[in-house]
Amino acid sequence: MIAIVAGSTGLTGRALVEALSRDHRISKIRTLVRKSGALRSSDKIEEIVLSAEEFLHLSENPDPKLSGEFYFCALGTTIRKAGSRSEFRKVDYTAVTEFSKLCQNREGKSLAVVTAIGSNPHAPNFYSRVKGEAEQVILALNIPRVVIARPALLIGDRAEVRPAERASIQIFRALAPVLPRPLKSLLGTPVEALARRLIDTTLEASPARVILKASDLI
């Protein structure tokens, strides 16, 4: 079975690729990246290098290597990193929905997408609203199984961590052992747990449409 992964160089994407590489059900992992050499070398992992513009038109890409059984999308950025709301939307809406349409067009068995806690197309917050709008498109596609995960603050070893995030992660790690599960899930989502739950739900028999809330990912 072949897995196609977008957003494989981010915190969640790296955890997904690592977990998929250990999964005996997956024979090949094709990762969509902006530059080669971004991931560790492995016979099981193959990089497909695409430009930023190509990510915005993925559904039309004729490359046969973009075909597989399982599609995983961990694409995402922040408004600060993107530079503007319009650039943020290109990644978190356009690129995400284009990857999802690629899965539909290639007749993939399952699609898994990571959004965020609070995703809602009617949210007053721009970030949550864009995530929710993308979810609306994805859930309406003709794909046999769609799994959407809405994690809280991702807990893992980031390459770059802003001061506010660092403080939140430290608080989570200090309080997690003593907090009740529902409250702990709102504070943060361990990225390894997110990856494992997303893969198992996507590859195993499950309903046609699944929403994994933060409380499901702890």
Protein backbone atom coordinates (compact mmCIF):
# COMPACT_ATOMS: atom_id res chain seq x y z
CA MET A 1 0.00 0.00 0.00
CA ILE A 2 1.25 3.48 -0.87
CA ALA A 3 0.85 6.54 1.36
CA ILE A 4 1.05 10.07 -0.06
CA VAL A 5 1.99 12.72 2.53
CA ALA A 6 1.80 16.51 2.19
CA GLY A 7 3.31 18.73 4.86
CA SER A 8 5.86 16.06 5.75
CA THR A 9 8.57 18.47 6.97
CA GLY A 10 6.49 20.07 9.72
CA LEU A 11 6.11 18.77 13.27
CA THR A 12 3.04 16.65 12.53
CA GLY A 13 4.22 15.59 9.08
CA ARG A 14 7.52 14.28 10.40
CA ALA A 15 5.72 12.28 13.09
CA LEU A 16 3.38 10.87 10.44
CA VAL A 17 6.23 9.82 8.16
CA GLU A 18 8.10 8.19 11.06
CA ALA A 19 5.02 6.26 12.17
CA LEU A 20 4.15 5.24 8.60
CA SER A 21 7.71 4.03 8.02
CA ARG A 22 7.28 1.60 10.94
CA ASP A 23 3.83 0.40 9.79
CA HIS A 24 3.98 -2.96 7.99
CA ARG A 25 0.78 -2.12 6.08
CA ILE A 26 2.57 0.62 4.15
CA SER A 27 5.12 -0.41 1.52
CA LYS A 28 5.94 3.06 0.14
CA ILE A 29 5.70 6.63 1.44
CA ARG A 30 5.78 9.44 -1.10
CA THR A 31 6.30 12.83 0.50
CA LEU A 32 5.52 16.11 -1.25
CA VAL A 33 8.28 18.58 -0.40
CA ARG A 34 9.55 21.98 -1.52
CA LYS A 35 13.20 20.84 -1.59
CA SER A 36 14.94 17.47 -1.58
CA GLY A 37 16.84 16.15 1.41
CA ALA A 38 14.31 17.48 3.89
CA LEU A 39 13.68 14.03 5.38
CA ARG A 40 15.91 11.17 6.44
CA SER A 41 16.96 8.79 3.69
CA SER A 42 15.06 5.50 3.52
CA ASP A 43 14.21 2.89 0.91
CA LYS A 44 10.59 3.24 1.97
CA ILE A 45 10.46 7.04 1.62
CA GLU A 46 10.46 8.82 -1.75
CA GLU A 47 10.44 12.60 -2.07
CA ILE A 48 8.48 14.38 -4.79
CA VAL A 49 9.72 17.96 -5.12
CA LEU A 50 7.08 20.56 -5.99
CA SER A 51 7.17 24.34 -6.20
CA ALA A 52 4.89 26.52 -4.07
CA GLU A 53 2.78 27.18 -7.16
CA GLU A 54 2.45 23.47 -7.92
CA PHE A 55 1.00 22.89 -4.45
CA LEU A 56 -1.83 25.26 -5.41
CA HIS A 57 -2.76 23.11 -8.43
CA LEU A 58 -2.14 19.61 -7.11
CA SER A 59 -5.45 18.18 -8.28
CA GLU A 60 -4.40 18.82 -11.91
CA ASN A 61 -0.88 17.34 -11.60
CA PRO A 62 -0.52 14.37 -14.01
CA ASP A 63 2.48 12.76 -12.26
CA PRO A 64 1.62 9.04 -11.81
CA LYS A 65 3.68 8.95 -8.62
CA LEU A 66 1.00 11.05 -6.93
CA SER A 67 -1.31 8.03 -6.94
CA GLY A 68 -1.71 5.91 -3.83
CA GLU A 69 -4.21 4.27 -1.52
CA PHE A 70 -3.88 6.54 1.52
CA TYR A 71 -3.43 10.33 1.57
CA PHE A 72 -2.28 12.29 4.62
CA CYS A 73 -2.32 16.09 4.77
CA ALA A 74 -0.42 17.95 7.48
CA LEU A 75 -0.05 21.19 5.54
CA GLY A 76 -0.37 24.32 7.62
CA THR A 77 1.26 27.59 8.54
CA THR A 78 0.56 30.68 10.64
CA ILE A 79 -0.45 34.15 9.50
CA ARG A 80 2.76 35.50 10.99
CA LYS A 81 4.93 33.02 9.11
CA ALA A 82 2.95 33.35 5.87
CA GLY A 83 3.19 37.15 6.00
CA SER A 84 -0.45 37.97 5.30
CA ARG A 85 -3.96 36.55 5.47
CA SER A 86 -4.02 35.91 1.74
CA GLU A 87 -0.76 33.95 1.84
CA PHE A 88 -1.99 32.00 4.86
CA ARG A 89 -5.15 31.09 2.97
CA LYS A 90 -3.10 29.79 0.02
CA VAL A 91 -1.59 27.14 2.28
CA ASP A 92 -4.34 26.30 4.78
CA TYR A 93 -7.22 26.43 2.33
CA THR A 94 -6.07 26.20 -1.30
CA ALA A 95 -3.16 23.77 -0.93
CA VAL A 96 -5.08 21.63 1.57
CA THR A 97 -8.21 21.36 -0.58
CA GLU A 98 -6.15 20.78 -3.74
CA PHE A 99 -4.37 17.86 -2.07
CA SER A 100 -7.75 16.50 -1.00
CA LYS A 101 -9.09 16.79 -4.55
CA LEU A 102 -5.96 14.98 -5.74
CA CYS A 103 -6.97 12.06 -3.52
CA GLN A 104 -10.46 12.11 -5.02
CA ASN A 105 -9.20 12.31 -8.61
CA ARG A 106 -6.73 9.45 -8.07
CA GLU A 107 -9.44 7.34 -6.40
CA GLY A 108 -7.63 7.08 -3.09
CA LYS A 109 -9.18 4.86 -0.45
CA SER A 110 -8.78 7.27 2.44
CA LEU A 111 -7.85 10.86 3.17
CA ALA A 112 -6.63 12.13 6.54
CA VAL A 113 -6.31 15.87 7.21
CA VAL A 114 -5.01 17.70 10.26
CA THR A 115 -6.80 20.98 10.98
CA ALA A 116 -7.09 22.48 14.49
CA ILE A 117 -9.26 22.68 17.56
CA GLY A 118 -12.00 25.26 17.03
CA SER A 119 -12.18 24.81 13.24
CA ASN A 120 -15.49 26.25 12.10
CA PRO A 121 -16.49 27.96 8.82
CA HIS A 122 -18.53 30.47 10.83
CA ALA A 123 -15.89 31.22 13.47
CA PRO A 124 -15.18 34.93 14.12
CA ASN A 125 -11.47 34.08 14.27
CA PHE A 126 -9.91 34.14 10.77
CA TYR A 127 -7.57 31.20 11.44
CA SER A 128 -10.36 28.92 12.69
CA ARG A 129 -12.71 30.08 9.93
CA VAL A 130 -10.26 29.20 7.13
CA LYS A 131 -9.66 25.79 8.69
CA GLY A 132 -13.42 25.23 8.90
CA GLU A 133 -13.99 26.32 5.30
CA ALA A 134 -11.37 23.82 4.15
CA GLU A 135 -13.09 21.08 6.17
CA GLN A 136 -16.41 21.85 4.47
CA VAL A 137 -14.90 21.27 1.03
CA ILE A 138 -13.06 18.13 2.10
CA LEU A 139 -16.06 16.46 3.74
CA ALA A 140 -18.14 16.95 0.57
CA LEU A 141 -15.62 15.22 -1.74
CA ASN A 142 -16.27 11.80 -3.24
CA ILE A 143 -13.68 9.90 -1.19
CA PRO A 144 -14.62 6.59 0.51
CA ARG A 145 -13.18 7.57 3.91
CA VAL A 146 -12.25 11.00 5.25
CA VAL A 147 -10.65 11.48 8.68
CA ILE A 148 -10.19 14.98 10.09
CA ALA A 149 -8.15 15.56 13.25
CA ARG A 150 -8.59 18.72 15.29
CA PRO A 151 -5.68 18.80 17.74
CA ALA A 152 -4.96 21.39 20.39
CA LEU A 153 -1.50 22.96 20.69
CA LEU A 154 0.92 20.40 19.26
CA ILE A 155 3.39 19.05 21.78
CA GLY A 156 6.69 17.92 20.29
CA ASP A 157 10.24 18.96 19.51
CA ARG A 158 9.85 21.91 17.14
CA ALA A 159 12.71 23.34 15.12
CA GLU A 160 11.54 26.83 16.07
CA VAL A 161 9.31 27.63 19.02
CA ARG A 162 7.90 31.06 19.84
CA PRO A 163 8.11 32.17 23.51
CA ALA A 164 4.34 31.84 24.09
CA GLU A 165 4.32 28.33 22.60
CA ARG A 166 7.35 27.33 24.67
CA ALA A 167 5.61 28.46 27.86
CA SER A 168 2.42 26.59 26.93
CA ILE A 169 4.34 23.40 26.18
CA GLN A 170 6.19 23.63 29.49
CA ILE A 171 2.88 24.07 31.33
CA PHE A 172 1.38 21.06 29.52
CA ARG A 173 4.33 18.81 30.35
CA ALA A 174 4.28 19.88 33.99
CA LEU A 175 0.53 19.45 34.50
CA ALA A 176 -0.28 16.55 32.15
CA PRO A 177 0.46 13.79 34.69
CA VAL A 178 -2.07 15.15 37.21
CA LEU A 179 -4.80 16.69 35.05
CA PRO A 180 -8.00 14.80 34.15
CA ARG A 181 -8.07 13.64 30.52
CA PRO A 182 -10.68 16.16 29.21
CA LEU A 183 -8.78 19.16 30.57
CA LYS A 184 -5.40 17.80 29.50
CA SER A 185 -6.66 17.37 25.93
CA LEU A 186 -7.55 21.08 25.72
CA LEU A 187 -4.05 22.15 26.76
CA GLY A 188 -2.13 20.18 24.15
CA THR A 189 -1.90 17.21 21.82
CA PRO A 190 1.28 15.07 21.78
CA VAL A 191 2.24 14.86 18.14
CA GLU A 192 3.19 11.16 18.30
CA ALA A 193 -0.26 10.29 19.67
CA LEU A 194 -1.88 12.36 16.92
CA ALA A 195 0.10 10.58 14.19
CA ARG A 196 -0.63 7.10 15.53
CA ARG A 197 -4.36 7.70 15.98
CA LEU A 198 -4.66 9.33 12.56
CA ILE A 199 -2.92 6.42 10.82
CA ASP A 200 -4.87 3.70 12.62
CA THR A 201 -8.22 5.41 11.98
CA THR A 202 -7.35 5.97 8.31
CA LEU A 203 -6.04 2.50 7.53
CA GLU A 204 -8.55 0.46 9.52
CA ALA A 205 -12.26 -0.01 8.90
CA SER A 206 -14.14 3.03 10.21
CA PRO A 207 -17.13 5.20 9.25
CA ALA A 208 -16.97 7.13 5.99
CA ARG A 209 -16.53 10.44 7.82
CA VAL A 210 -14.65 10.72 11.11
CA ILE A 211 -13.85 13.83 13.15
CA LEU A 212 -11.17 13.26 15.77
CA LYS A 213 -11.48 15.89 18.50
CA ALA A 214 -8.61 16.91 20.77
CA SER A 215 -10.02 14.63 23.48
CA ASP A 216 -9.62 11.67 21.08
CA LEU A 217 -5.94 12.42 20.50
CA ILE A 218 -4.46 12.35 24.00
